Amino acid sequence: MSRPAPSRYSRFAQLLAGSLLVASCGSEPGAKPLLHQEISTQIQGWLAQQPEVQLKSSLFPLATESKLSQTLERHSKAMKLPGAVVAIAASQQTWVQATGSSDLDQQVALQPDDRFRLGNLSELFAAVVCLQLVEEESLSLKDPIANWLPTEISRSIPDAKKITVRQLLNHTSALPDLDVAAFEQAVKADPSHRWTAAEMMPFMTQPASRARGGFTYSRLNYLLLELIIERAGGSSLAEAIQTRIVQPLDLKNTYVELSATKTIAHGYQDWDGDGSREDVTQPLINTGLGLGNQAMISNAPDLIRFFQALFQQKKLLTPAAQQQMLTIVEMRKGGYGLGILNSLTRWGETWGQTDADATGFSSAVVYLPVHDLIVVAWTNTANAESQPISLIDASLEIVLGNLSKIPASATTQW
């Protein structure tokens, strides 16, 4: 398993935004959207006066597509990536391109619609399912997790009677993370073992002295949510995502890993620490694949459709449920809602998710409400946090320009 993940979200914010809005957001009872209304209005009004940054609904000019292609190629070669994909959805058009290889040994070219591991992007899917169950009154965000977990697991969780479902979703439960070193040794001893969420509990580290309500990343949160989804919804996580998201949106390349046998691009990382990348594609190594915290397989076109349904078409959540999802708690930089990241960039507010530690893959997806724009980037190598974010950053600069003059306020840091 790759290095511990608590810093991945702050790294996302630093790389994507450069400078971020850091609002004062409290714990669960007082959590607020990161952008105060007056700040959001100010920025949107300023952008409306800048004609050069308005994204047109017509096709991208050929010159823009050429620059995007050149940037993707140049970045991939400079970072020595096996392969990379970027997709940009703007109103009535989606531009997507791939470069490099999906299989280095066989020299198979990477395709724009190749499938890959989402890693932490899986949290978005689990959060949508949870919020749908809440809307159906099968579950409440205020429920103590002890109400839903098996007794033998609940007893091993500190304060299981006080931690709520919401606190799992937004990583404010104060639960300890997994002991990465111990779990890595267990994986190396049996690389193809299919782990269950319950089997991960013994790898929980000793709880640190921290208070609930503040953001602290822990893999355990979404492992426990998997168990809660199954109890509240009466089906497995794979079945819930299939019936509630995949089938309604006709996402033909999206599924919970290990629940299907479709091929994915080969993923690479330096697993044994010898300085060279190894092919770590399932079934060679299984670091808890298919579980709630890193369940999903998908591709760039499907992620675009998922984000369009979530934010533009509003097919997945009611307005009330979406408001719950987009209510954030403060992180070191930026904010975290229910399964989703929030930050303010030089191009305006973004909502999205990122992962640099999925076995063999790194990825990021963002939605920019001001421009109604969705961007996906992924590479088939892990341990390279800046790659997808740098690709998104470079692509946005080509499409939207360098918006370095967005007016600052007392609560922005540029």
Protein backbone atom coordinates (compact mmCIF):
# COMPACT_ATOMS: atom_id res chain seq x y z
CA MET A 1 0.00 0.00 0.00
CA SER A 2 1.19 3.50 -0.73
CA ARG A 3 1.96 6.10 1.87
CA PRO A 4 -0.61 7.32 4.39
CA ALA A 5 -3.38 9.46 2.94
CA PRO A 6 -4.24 12.21 5.44
CA SER A 7 -2.39 14.86 3.44
CA ARG A 8 -3.91 14.03 0.06
CA TYR A 9 -6.77 16.51 0.35
CA SER A 10 -4.67 19.44 1.47
CA ARG A 11 -2.25 18.62 -1.35
CA PHE A 12 -5.18 18.67 -3.79
CA ALA A 13 -6.17 22.11 -2.58
CA GLN A 14 -2.63 23.49 -2.75
CA LEU A 15 -1.97 22.23 -6.26
CA LEU A 16 -5.32 22.93 -7.85
CA ALA A 17 -6.04 26.27 -6.32
CA GLY A 18 -2.65 27.75 -5.62
CA SER A 19 -4.60 30.12 -3.39
CA LEU A 20 -7.79 29.09 -1.66
CA LEU A 21 -10.69 30.48 0.23
CA VAL A 22 -10.48 29.30 3.83
CA ALA A 23 -13.73 30.05 5.58
CA SER A 24 -14.47 29.54 9.24
CA CYS A 25 -16.68 26.44 9.17
CA GLY A 26 -17.62 24.74 12.37
CA SER A 27 -18.40 21.16 13.22
CA GLU A 28 -21.56 19.36 12.24
CA PRO A 29 -24.21 21.59 13.84
CA GLY A 30 -22.79 24.85 12.46
CA ALA A 31 -21.29 23.72 9.17
CA LYS A 32 -21.79 26.14 6.30
CA PRO A 33 -21.04 26.26 2.59
CA LEU A 34 -17.45 27.36 2.03
CA LEU A 35 -18.40 30.30 -0.18
CA HIS A 36 -20.44 32.94 1.64
CA GLN A 37 -23.15 34.20 -0.69
CA GLU A 38 -21.74 37.72 -0.95
CA ILE A 39 -18.29 36.43 -1.94
CA SER A 40 -19.74 34.07 -4.54
CA THR A 41 -21.87 36.86 -5.99
CA GLN A 42 -18.89 39.20 -6.12
CA ILE A 43 -16.73 36.70 -8.00
CA GLN A 44 -19.46 35.71 -10.45
CA GLY A 45 -20.22 39.36 -11.13
CA TRP A 46 -16.57 40.08 -11.81
CA LEU A 47 -16.25 37.10 -14.14
CA ALA A 48 -19.34 38.21 -16.07
CA GLN A 49 -17.50 41.42 -16.95
CA GLN A 50 -14.57 39.50 -18.47
CA PRO A 51 -15.64 38.37 -21.97
CA GLU A 52 -12.39 36.51 -22.57
CA VAL A 53 -13.20 33.99 -19.82
CA GLN A 54 -16.74 33.13 -20.87
CA LEU A 55 -16.85 29.55 -22.14
CA LYS A 56 -18.88 29.39 -25.35
CA SER A 57 -21.33 26.59 -26.05
CA SER A 58 -19.88 26.05 -29.52
CA LEU A 59 -17.12 23.55 -30.24
CA PHE A 60 -13.62 24.26 -28.98
CA PRO A 61 -11.57 26.05 -31.65
CA LEU A 62 -9.02 23.83 -33.36
CA ALA A 63 -6.24 25.96 -31.91
CA THR A 64 -7.52 25.27 -28.39
CA GLU A 65 -7.74 21.52 -29.02
CA SER A 66 -4.21 21.57 -30.46
CA LYS A 67 -2.86 23.32 -27.35
CA LEU A 68 -4.66 20.83 -25.08
CA SER A 69 -3.18 17.91 -27.00
CA GLN A 70 0.31 19.37 -26.93
CA THR A 71 0.07 20.06 -23.20
CA LEU A 72 -1.05 16.50 -22.47
CA GLU A 73 1.80 15.04 -24.53
CA ARG A 74 4.41 17.39 -23.08
CA HIS A 75 3.34 16.82 -19.48
CA SER A 76 3.24 13.03 -19.88
CA LYS A 77 6.74 12.92 -21.36
CA ALA A 78 8.16 15.29 -18.76
CA MET A 79 6.70 13.23 -15.89
CA LYS A 80 7.57 9.91 -17.63
CA LEU A 81 4.01 8.68 -17.25
CA PRO A 82 2.96 5.29 -18.67
CA GLY A 83 -0.20 6.99 -19.92
CA ALA A 84 -2.65 9.81 -19.21
CA VAL A 85 -6.18 10.92 -20.12
CA VAL A 86 -7.83 14.35 -19.95
CA ALA A 87 -11.53 15.02 -20.59
CA ILE A 88 -13.26 18.41 -20.60
CA ALA A 89 -17.03 18.78 -20.80
CA ALA A 90 -18.24 22.24 -21.77
CA SER A 91 -21.94 22.75 -22.37
CA GLN A 92 -22.65 20.85 -25.59
CA GLN A 93 -19.21 19.34 -26.20
CA THR A 94 -16.80 16.95 -24.53
CA TRP A 95 -13.15 16.90 -25.53
CA VAL A 96 -11.21 13.81 -24.43
CA GLN A 97 -7.78 12.55 -25.37
CA ALA A 98 -5.32 9.88 -24.24
CA THR A 99 -1.58 9.47 -24.60
CA GLY A 100 0.88 6.72 -23.75
CA SER A 101 0.30 3.03 -23.02
CA SER A 102 -2.29 1.04 -21.16
CA ASP A 103 0.09 -1.97 -21.13
CA LEU A 104 3.82 -1.25 -21.19
CA ASP A 105 4.84 -4.86 -21.81
CA GLN A 106 2.57 -5.30 -24.83
CA GLN A 107 2.86 -1.64 -25.95
CA VAL A 108 -0.91 -1.24 -26.14
CA ALA A 109 -1.94 2.37 -26.70
CA LEU A 110 -4.05 3.95 -23.95
CA GLN A 111 -7.56 4.85 -25.18
CA PRO A 112 -9.74 7.78 -24.01
CA ASP A 113 -12.43 5.36 -22.81
CA ASP A 114 -10.13 2.92 -20.99
CA ARG A 115 -11.25 1.98 -17.49
CA PHE A 116 -9.21 2.70 -14.35
CA ARG A 117 -9.40 2.52 -10.54
CA LEU A 118 -11.03 5.58 -8.99
CA GLY A 119 -9.59 5.15 -5.50
CA ASN A 120 -10.99 7.95 -3.33
CA LEU A 121 -13.25 9.17 -6.12
CA SER A 122 -15.35 6.19 -5.00
CA GLU A 123 -16.44 8.25 -1.99
CA LEU A 124 -18.66 10.32 -4.28
CA PHE A 125 -20.64 7.24 -5.32
CA ALA A 126 -21.02 5.97 -1.76
CA ALA A 127 -22.12 9.42 -0.58
CA VAL A 128 -24.81 9.63 -3.29
CA VAL A 129 -26.20 6.23 -2.28
CA CYS A 130 -26.21 7.24 1.41
CA LEU A 131 -28.06 10.48 0.66
CA GLN A 132 -30.62 8.65 -1.46
CA LEU A 133 -31.26 6.29 1.48
CA VAL A 134 -31.68 9.35 3.71
CA GLU A 135 -34.25 10.82 1.29
CA GLU A 136 -36.12 7.50 1.41
CA GLU A 137 -36.03 7.65 5.23
CA SER A 138 -34.19 4.34 5.38
CA LEU A 139 -31.32 6.10 7.12
CA SER A 140 -30.63 9.38 8.92
CA LEU A 141 -27.44 11.42 8.87
CA LYS A 142 -27.91 11.87 12.62
CA ASP A 143 -28.05 8.13 13.33
CA PRO A 144 -25.32 6.78 15.62
CA ILE A 145 -23.31 4.25 13.66
CA ALA A 146 -23.79 1.71 16.46
CA ASN A 147 -27.43 1.47 15.29
CA TRP A 148 -26.32 0.00 11.98
CA LEU A 149 -23.07 -1.89 12.52
CA PRO A 150 -22.74 -5.53 13.58
CA THR A 151 -22.26 -5.76 17.33
CA GLU A 152 -18.79 -7.28 17.10
CA ILE A 153 -17.63 -4.36 14.93
CA SER A 154 -19.46 -1.68 16.87
CA ARG A 155 -17.75 -2.79 20.08
CA SER A 156 -14.33 -2.26 18.49
CA ILE A 157 -15.13 1.32 17.41
CA PRO A 158 -14.39 4.09 19.94
CA ASP A 159 -17.60 6.03 20.73
CA ALA A 160 -19.69 4.13 18.17
CA LYS A 161 -22.83 5.28 20.02
CA LYS A 162 -21.84 8.93 19.55
CA ILE A 163 -20.38 8.98 16.02
CA THR A 164 -23.01 9.77 13.39
CA VAL A 165 -23.43 8.69 9.78
CA ARG A 166 -22.76 12.30 8.71
CA GLN A 167 -19.43 12.24 10.53
CA LEU A 168 -18.34 9.19 8.56
CA LEU A 169 -19.32 10.89 5.30
CA ASN A 170 -17.37 14.09 5.96
CA HIS A 171 -14.44 12.53 7.86
CA THR A 172 -15.22 14.25 11.17
CA SER A 173 -15.67 11.05 13.19
CA ALA A 174 -12.18 11.30 14.74
CA LEU A 175 -11.73 7.60 14.05
CA PRO A 176 -8.11 6.47 13.69
CA ASP A 177 -6.83 5.45 10.29
CA LEU A 178 -5.58 2.01 9.31
CA ASP A 179 -2.10 0.90 10.30
CA VAL A 180 -0.71 1.13 6.77
CA ALA A 181 2.55 -0.69 7.51
CA ALA A 182 0.81 -3.64 9.19
CA PHE A 183 -1.78 -3.91 6.43
CA GLU A 184 0.91 -3.73 3.76
CA GLN A 185 2.68 -6.70 5.33
CA ALA A 186 -0.59 -8.66 5.35
CA VAL A 187 -1.16 -7.83 1.69
CA LYS A 188 2.36 -8.89 0.72
CA ALA A 189 1.84 -12.18 2.53
CA ASP A 190 -1.29 -12.90 0.45
CA PRO A 191 -1.46 -10.42 -2.48
CA SER A 192 -4.64 -11.77 -4.07
CA HIS A 193 -6.74 -12.11 -0.89
CA ARG A 194 -10.17 -10.53 -1.26
CA TRP A 195 -10.55 -8.38 1.84
CA THR A 196 -13.86 -7.57 3.46
CA ALA A 197 -14.64 -4.41 5.41
CA ALA A 198 -14.91 -6.46 8.60
CA GLU A 199 -11.44 -7.93 8.05
CA MET A 200 -9.96 -4.43 7.94
CA MET A 201 -11.04 -3.56 11.49
CA PRO A 202 -8.08 -5.26 13.25
CA PHE A 203 -5.74 -2.91 11.35
CA MET A 204 -7.21 0.13 13.06
CA THR A 205 -4.47 2.14 14.78
CA GLN A 206 -4.72 3.35 18.35
CA PRO A 207 -7.02 6.38 18.56
CA ALA A 208 -5.25 9.73 18.74
CA SER A 209 -6.33 12.54 21.02
CA ARG A 210 -8.64 14.48 18.72
CA ALA A 211 -12.14 15.85 18.96
CA ARG A 212 -15.02 14.85 16.73
CA GLY A 213 -16.27 17.53 14.40
CA GLY A 214 -12.97 18.50 12.76
CA PHE A 215 -11.79 17.04 9.49
CA THR A 216 -9.37 14.13 9.91
CA TYR A 217 -9.11 11.64 7.07
CA SER A 218 -9.54 7.95 7.91
CA ARG A 219 -10.09 5.04 5.54
CA LEU A 220 -12.27 3.45 8.20
CA ASN A 221 -15.05 5.99 7.64
CA TYR A 222 -16.02 4.66 4.21
CA LEU A 223 -15.31 1.05 5.12
CA LEU A 224 -17.94 1.41 7.85
CA LEU A 225 -20.27 3.25 5.47
CA GLU A 226 -20.17 0.23 3.19
CA LEU A 227 -21.56 -1.91 6.02
CA ILE A 228 -24.20 0.71 6.84
CA ILE A 229 -25.32 1.00 3.21
CA GLU A 230 -25.73 -2.76 3.02
CA ARG A 231 -27.78 -2.87 6.24
CA ALA A 232 -29.98 0.15 5.46
CA GLY A 233 -30.47 -0.61 1.77
CA GLY A 234 -30.76 -4.38 1.98
CA SER A 235 -28.18 -5.03 -0.74
CA SER A 236 -24.44 -5.01 -1.25
CA LEU A 237 -22.57 -1.81 -2.08
CA ALA A 238 -22.00 -3.14 -5.61
CA GLU A 239 -25.73 -3.78 -6.10
CA ALA A 240 -26.72 -0.43 -4.61
CA ILE A 241 -24.41 1.53 -6.91
CA GLN A 242 -25.49 -0.55 -9.89
CA THR A 243 -29.23 -0.03 -9.39
CA ARG A 244 -29.15 3.54 -8.05
CA ILE A 245 -26.46 5.16 -10.23
CA VAL A 246 -25.02 2.98 -12.98
CA GLN A 247 -28.25 1.70 -14.56
CA PRO A 248 -30.24 4.97 -14.41
CA LEU A 249 -27.34 6.87 -16.01
CA ASP A 250 -26.38 4.05 -18.40
CA LEU A 251 -22.76 4.08 -17.24
CA LYS A 252 -21.49 1.08 -19.19
CA ASN A 253 -17.93 1.25 -17.83
CA THR A 254 -18.61 1.89 -14.14
CA TYR A 255 -18.84 -0.81 -11.47
CA VAL A 256 -17.50 -1.92 -8.10
CA GLU A 257 -14.21 -3.72 -8.63
CA LEU A 258 -14.32 -7.50 -8.15
CA SER A 259 -18.04 -7.48 -8.98
CA ALA A 260 -17.31 -7.70 -12.74
CA THR A 261 -14.65 -9.20 -14.99
CA LYS A 262 -14.12 -6.34 -17.46
CA THR A 263 -10.52 -5.45 -18.23
CA ILE A 264 -8.97 -2.20 -17.05
CA ALA A 265 -5.82 -0.33 -18.05
CA HIS A 266 -2.67 -1.64 -16.39
CA GLY A 267 -1.63 0.38 -13.35
CA TYR A 268 1.98 0.88 -12.26
CA GLN A 269 3.78 1.92 -9.10
CA ASP A 270 6.97 1.15 -7.21
CA TRP A 271 5.45 -1.51 -4.97
CA ASP A 272 8.65 -3.09 -3.62
CA GLY A 273 10.68 0.12 -3.26
CA ASP A 274 13.37 -0.86 -5.75
CA GLY A 275 13.11 2.40 -7.69
CA SER A 276 11.18 1.02 -10.67
CA ARG A 277 7.45 0.69 -11.31
CA GLU A 278 5.77 -2.69 -11.19
CA ASP A 279 2.48 -3.72 -12.79
CA VAL A 280 0.10 -3.77 -9.82
CA THR A 281 -3.10 -4.54 -11.72
CA GLN A 282 -5.56 -6.91 -10.06
CA PRO A 283 -5.41 -9.82 -9.46
CA LEU A 284 -1.68 -9.57 -8.76
CA ILE A 285 -2.09 -7.29 -5.75
CA ASN A 286 -5.29 -6.52 -3.81
CA THR A 287 -4.94 -3.74 -1.24
CA GLY A 288 -8.58 -3.88 -0.22
CA LEU A 289 -9.91 -3.33 -3.73
CA GLY A 290 -13.67 -3.16 -4.13
CA LEU A 291 -14.35 -1.87 -0.62
CA GLY A 292 -16.21 1.32 0.30
CA ASN A 293 -13.19 3.61 0.44
CA GLN A 294 -11.79 2.63 -2.99
CA ALA A 295 -14.51 0.56 -4.56
CA MET A 296 -14.95 1.82 -8.05
CA ILE A 297 -13.79 1.24 -11.61
CA SER A 298 -14.86 3.76 -14.26
CA ASN A 299 -13.57 5.80 -17.21
CA ALA A 300 -13.41 9.47 -18.15
CA PRO A 301 -16.62 9.61 -20.26
CA ASP A 302 -18.64 7.90 -17.50
CA LEU A 303 -17.27 10.28 -14.86
CA ILE A 304 -18.33 13.20 -17.04
CA ARG A 305 -21.86 11.75 -17.27
CA PHE A 306 -21.94 11.13 -13.51
CA PHE A 307 -20.97 14.75 -12.75
CA GLN A 308 -23.43 16.07 -15.33
CA ALA A 309 -26.23 14.08 -13.69
CA LEU A 310 -25.16 15.23 -10.23
CA PHE A 311 -24.59 18.94 -10.85
CA GLN A 312 -26.17 19.98 -14.16
CA GLN A 313 -29.16 17.69 -14.68
CA LYS A 314 -29.74 17.06 -10.95
CA LYS A 315 -30.93 13.52 -11.60
CA LEU A 316 -29.31 11.82 -8.61
CA LEU A 317 -30.20 13.95 -5.58
CA THR A 318 -33.06 16.18 -4.51
CA PRO A 319 -32.16 19.85 -3.84
CA ALA A 320 -32.29 19.17 -0.11
CA ALA A 321 -29.99 16.16 -0.40
CA GLN A 322 -27.55 18.06 -2.61
CA GLN A 323 -27.47 20.89 -0.07
CA GLN A 324 -26.46 18.34 2.55
CA MET A 325 -23.71 17.01 0.27
CA LEU A 326 -22.34 20.50 -0.37
CA THR A 327 -22.31 21.57 3.27
CA ILE A 328 -18.65 21.53 4.19
CA VAL A 329 -16.33 21.43 7.16
CA GLU A 330 -13.02 23.25 7.08
CA MET A 331 -9.87 21.39 6.12
CA ARG A 332 -6.33 22.71 6.37
CA LYS A 333 -7.04 24.43 3.07
CA GLY A 334 -10.44 24.26 1.46
CA GLY A 335 -13.39 22.28 2.69
CA TYR A 336 -14.95 18.82 2.61
CA GLY A 337 -18.63 18.02 2.22
CA LEU A 338 -20.24 14.60 2.13
CA GLY A 339 -17.83 12.69 -0.11
CA ILE A 340 -16.73 15.80 -2.00
CA LEU A 341 -13.99 18.48 -1.89
CA ASN A 342 -14.54 22.23 -2.21
CA SER A 343 -12.02 24.93 -3.04
CA LEU A 344 -11.77 28.34 -4.67
CA THR A 345 -9.34 28.64 -7.57
CA ARG A 346 -8.36 31.49 -9.86
CA TRP A 347 -11.16 30.22 -12.14
CA GLY A 348 -13.78 30.27 -9.42
CA GLU A 349 -15.26 27.70 -7.04
CA THR A 350 -14.69 23.98 -7.65
CA TRP A 351 -16.33 20.81 -6.39
CA GLY A 352 -14.65 17.48 -6.95
CA GLN A 353 -12.48 14.68 -5.69
CA THR A 354 -8.95 13.37 -6.13
CA ASP A 355 -6.80 10.33 -5.40
CA ALA A 356 -3.07 9.82 -5.73
CA ASP A 357 -2.94 6.50 -3.91
CA ALA A 358 -5.26 4.14 -5.77
CA THR A 359 -3.32 0.97 -6.54
CA GLY A 360 -1.56 1.83 -9.80
CA PHE A 361 -3.55 4.99 -10.64
CA SER A 362 -3.89 8.72 -9.86
CA SER A 363 -6.97 10.75 -10.78
CA ALA A 364 -8.98 13.92 -10.21
CA VAL A 365 -12.34 15.31 -11.31
CA VAL A 366 -13.66 18.85 -10.76
CA TYR A 367 -16.80 20.84 -11.55
CA LEU A 368 -16.62 24.64 -11.92
CA PRO A 369 -20.14 26.05 -11.41
CA VAL A 370 -19.31 29.55 -12.74
CA HIS A 371 -18.27 28.10 -16.10
CA ASP A 372 -20.52 25.00 -16.00
CA LEU A 373 -17.37 23.04 -16.81
CA ILE A 374 -16.28 19.51 -15.82
CA VAL A 375 -12.69 18.29 -16.09
CA VAL A 376 -11.33 14.76 -15.54
CA ALA A 377 -7.68 13.74 -15.56
CA TRP A 378 -6.08 10.41 -14.72
CA THR A 379 -2.81 8.54 -15.14
CA ASN A 380 -1.99 4.85 -14.77
CA THR A 381 0.65 5.32 -12.13
CA ALA A 382 0.36 6.05 -8.40
CA ASN A 383 2.50 7.97 -5.91
CA ALA A 384 2.41 11.06 -8.12
CA GLU A 385 0.04 13.54 -6.50
CA SER A 386 0.66 16.46 -8.80
CA GLN A 387 0.08 14.70 -12.13
CA PRO A 388 -3.74 14.82 -12.56
CA ILE A 389 -4.05 18.17 -10.79
CA SER A 390 -1.28 19.69 -12.88
CA LEU A 391 -3.00 18.43 -16.02
CA ILE A 392 -6.30 19.98 -14.93
CA ASP A 393 -4.57 23.23 -14.02
CA ALA A 394 -2.79 23.44 -17.39
CA SER A 395 -5.97 22.54 -19.30
CA LEU A 396 -8.05 25.18 -17.52
CA GLU A 397 -5.47 27.83 -18.29
CA ILE A 398 -5.75 26.96 -22.00
CA VAL A 399 -9.56 26.91 -22.06
CA LEU A 400 -10.32 29.77 -19.63
CA GLY A 401 -7.13 31.82 -19.59
CA ASN A 402 -5.03 32.90 -16.63
CA LEU A 403 -7.51 34.50 -14.26
CA SER A 404 -5.08 35.95 -11.78
CA LYS A 405 -7.11 39.13 -11.13
CA ILE A 406 -10.20 37.74 -9.43
CA PRO A 407 -10.93 40.28 -6.69
CA ALA A 408 -9.72 39.19 -3.26
CA SER A 409 -11.61 39.67 -0.02
CA ALA A 410 -10.91 39.42 3.68
CA THR A 411 -11.44 35.65 3.58
CA THR A 412 -9.40 34.80 0.49
CA GLN A 413 -5.71 34.02 0.33
CA TRP A 414 -4.04 34.50 -3.03
